[in-house]
Amino acid sequence: MVVFAVGHDDTLMQRVSSKTDVDAELAILGSAIRGIRKEKNISQEALADWAGLDRSHMGRIERGERNVTVLNLLRIAKALDCKLAELFQAAGL
C-alpha cells in the first residue's frame, strides 16, 4: 500500500516508511545510534528511558523499522550526550 500526504502547496507526496526506504537509510541511522549507545555502555532500555521513548520503539528505531521523527532524534542525541549532527555523521548521512 502506498500512502500519500498533502504537501504545503497541496501537492501529493509519497509518505516515507521503512518499507519504502529503498536506500536503507533508516537502518543505517539506527545502526549508528546503536553503535554510539554501545560505545557509551548504555543499555537500550536506559537510552529509551532517558530519551522518553518506549523501549520497544527504541528497538525498532535501531533496527531501521521506524521512520523516526526529528524530535525523537533530538531526544536520542541528548540522551547520548551528543549533537544531532553526530548521529548523522556516524551514519554517513
C-alpha atoms as a PDB file:
ATOM      1  CA  MET A   1       0.000   0.000   0.000  1.00  0.00           C
ATOM      2  CA  VAL A   2       1.307   3.443  -0.908  1.00  0.00           C
ATOM      3  CA  VAL A   3       0.290   6.290   1.368  1.00  0.00           C
ATOM      4  CA  PHE A   4       0.375   9.889   0.254  1.00  0.00           C
ATOM      5  CA  ALA A   5       0.423  13.074   2.286  1.00  0.00           C
ATOM      6  CA  VAL A   6      -0.623  16.507   1.133  1.00  0.00           C
ATOM      7  CA  GLY A   7       2.262  18.984   0.984  1.00  0.00           C
ATOM      8  CA  HIS A   8       2.111  22.620   1.999  1.00  0.00           C
ATOM      9  CA  ASP A   9       1.353  23.574  -1.598  1.00  0.00           C
ATOM     10  CA  ASP A  10      -1.427  20.947  -1.932  1.00  0.00           C
ATOM     11  CA  THR A  11       0.762  18.570  -3.950  1.00  0.00           C
ATOM     12  CA  LEU A  12       0.731  14.871  -3.122  1.00  0.00           C
ATOM     13  CA  MET A  13       3.903  13.461  -1.611  1.00  0.00           C
ATOM     14  CA  GLN A  14       4.571   9.781  -1.029  1.00  0.00           C
ATOM     15  CA  ARG A  15       4.919   9.072   2.672  1.00  0.00           C
ATOM     16  CA  VAL A  16       8.260   7.534   3.586  1.00  0.00           C
ATOM     17  CA  SER A  17       8.276   4.481   5.806  1.00  0.00           C
ATOM     18  CA  SER A  18      10.736   1.701   6.461  1.00  0.00           C
ATOM     19  CA  LYS A  19       9.008  -0.259   3.680  1.00  0.00           C
ATOM     20  CA  THR A  20       9.726   2.479   1.126  1.00  0.00           C
ATOM     21  CA  ASP A  21      13.263   3.217   2.367  1.00  0.00           C
ATOM     22  CA  VAL A  22      14.961   1.636  -0.648  1.00  0.00           C
ATOM     23  CA  ASP A  23      18.380   3.044   0.288  1.00  0.00           C
ATOM     24  CA  ALA A  24      18.134   1.586   3.812  1.00  0.00           C
ATOM     25  CA  GLU A  25      18.921   4.975   5.334  1.00  0.00           C
ATOM     26  CA  LEU A  26      16.704   4.302   8.348  1.00  0.00           C
ATOM     27  CA  ALA A  27      18.583   1.076   9.065  1.00  0.00           C
ATOM     28  CA  ILE A  28      21.923   2.858   8.631  1.00  0.00           C
ATOM     29  CA  LEU A  29      20.868   5.627  11.029  1.00  0.00           C
ATOM     30  CA  GLY A  30      19.515   3.100  13.521  1.00  0.00           C
ATOM     31  CA  SER A  31      22.745   1.134  13.373  1.00  0.00           C
ATOM     32  CA  ALA A  32      24.717   4.317  14.057  1.00  0.00           C
ATOM     33  CA  ILE A  33      22.524   5.070  17.082  1.00  0.00           C
ATOM     34  CA  ARG A  34      23.068   1.515  18.344  1.00  0.00           C
ATOM     35  CA  GLY A  35      26.831   1.834  17.812  1.00  0.00           C
ATOM     36  CA  ILE A  36      27.091   5.083  19.774  1.00  0.00           C
ATOM     37  CA  ARG A  37      24.892   3.631  22.524  1.00  0.00           C
ATOM     38  CA  LYS A  38      27.104   0.557  22.831  1.00  0.00           C
ATOM     39  CA  GLU A  39      30.314   2.635  22.762  1.00  0.00           C
ATOM     40  CA  LYS A  40      28.962   4.513  25.770  1.00  0.00           C
ATOM     41  CA  ASN A  41      27.920   1.256  27.505  1.00  0.00           C
ATOM     42  CA  ILE A  42      24.284   2.340  27.692  1.00  0.00           C
ATOM     43  CA  SER A  43      21.560  -0.296  27.582  1.00  0.00           C
ATOM     44  CA  GLN A  44      18.756   0.090  25.086  1.00  0.00           C
ATOM     45  CA  GLU A  45      16.314   0.283  27.964  1.00  0.00           C
ATOM     46  CA  ALA A  46      18.276   3.095  29.673  1.00  0.00           C
ATOM     47  CA  LEU A  47      18.587   5.061  26.427  1.00  0.00           C
ATOM     48  CA  ALA A  48      14.873   4.735  25.772  1.00  0.00           C
ATOM     49  CA  ASP A  49      14.104   5.869  29.315  1.00  0.00           C
ATOM     50  CA  TRP A  50      16.464   8.876  29.133  1.00  0.00           C
ATOM     51  CA  ALA A  51      15.027   9.849  25.729  1.00  0.00           C
ATOM     52  CA  GLY A  52      11.435   9.449  26.933  1.00  0.00           C
ATOM     53  CA  LEU A  53      10.677   6.657  24.451  1.00  0.00           C
ATOM     54  CA  ASP A  54       9.250   3.193  24.868  1.00  0.00           C
ATOM     55  CA  ARG A  55      11.995   0.530  24.811  1.00  0.00           C
ATOM     56  CA  SER A  56      10.295  -1.413  22.031  1.00  0.00           C
ATOM     57  CA  HIS A  57      10.073   1.769  19.934  1.00  0.00           C
ATOM     58  CA  MET A  58      13.795   2.372  20.517  1.00  0.00           C
ATOM     59  CA  GLY A  59      14.480  -1.168  19.312  1.00  0.00           C
ATOM     60  CA  ARG A  60      12.501  -0.548  16.129  1.00  0.00           C
ATOM     61  CA  ILE A  61      14.404   2.716  15.559  1.00  0.00           C
ATOM     62  CA  GLU A  62      17.746   0.927  15.958  1.00  0.00           C
ATOM     63  CA  ARG A  63      16.638  -1.791  13.511  1.00  0.00           C
ATOM     64  CA  GLY A  64      15.500   0.802  10.973  1.00  0.00           C
ATOM     65  CA  GLU A  65      11.879  -0.274  11.224  1.00  0.00           C
ATOM     66  CA  ARG A  66      10.571   3.183  12.188  1.00  0.00           C
ATOM     67  CA  ASN A  67      10.767   6.490  10.366  1.00  0.00           C
ATOM     68  CA  VAL A  68      11.946   8.361  13.439  1.00  0.00           C
ATOM     69  CA  THR A  69      10.883  11.990  13.876  1.00  0.00           C
ATOM     70  CA  VAL A  70      13.329  14.858  14.243  1.00  0.00           C
ATOM     71  CA  LEU A  71      12.026  15.490  17.751  1.00  0.00           C
ATOM     72  CA  ASN A  72      12.792  11.912  18.781  1.00  0.00           C
ATOM     73  CA  LEU A  73      16.218  12.110  17.128  1.00  0.00           C
ATOM     74  CA  LEU A  74      16.924  15.229  19.189  1.00  0.00           C
ATOM     75  CA  ARG A  75      15.827  13.387  22.341  1.00  0.00           C
ATOM     76  CA  ILE A  76      18.041  10.418  21.477  1.00  0.00           C
ATOM     77  CA  ALA A  77      21.035  12.668  20.756  1.00  0.00           C
ATOM     78  CA  LYS A  78      20.550  14.476  24.069  1.00  0.00           C
ATOM     79  CA  ALA A  79      20.283  11.167  25.936  1.00  0.00           C
ATOM     80  CA  LEU A  80      23.506  10.028  24.235  1.00  0.00           C
ATOM     81  CA  ASP A  81      25.141  13.354  25.156  1.00  0.00           C
ATOM     82  CA  CYS A  82      25.932  14.173  21.545  1.00  0.00           C
ATOM     83  CA  LYS A  83      24.749  16.538  18.840  1.00  0.00           C
ATOM     84  CA  LEU A  84      22.167  15.522  16.266  1.00  0.00           C
ATOM     85  CA  ALA A  85      24.778  16.122  13.559  1.00  0.00           C
ATOM     86  CA  GLU A  86      26.986  13.476  15.194  1.00  0.00           C
ATOM     87  CA  LEU A  87      24.256  10.858  14.712  1.00  0.00           C
ATOM     88  CA  PHE A  88      24.054  11.666  11.010  1.00  0.00           C
ATOM     89  CA  GLN A  89      27.856  11.818  10.723  1.00  0.00           C
ATOM     90  CA  ALA A  90      28.208   8.406  12.386  1.00  0.00           C
ATOM     91  CA  ALA A  91      25.694   7.068   9.862  1.00  0.00           C
ATOM     92  CA  GLY A  92      27.499   8.700   6.939  1.00  0.00           C
ATOM     93  CA  LEU A  93      24.357  10.640   6.043  1.00  0.00           C
END
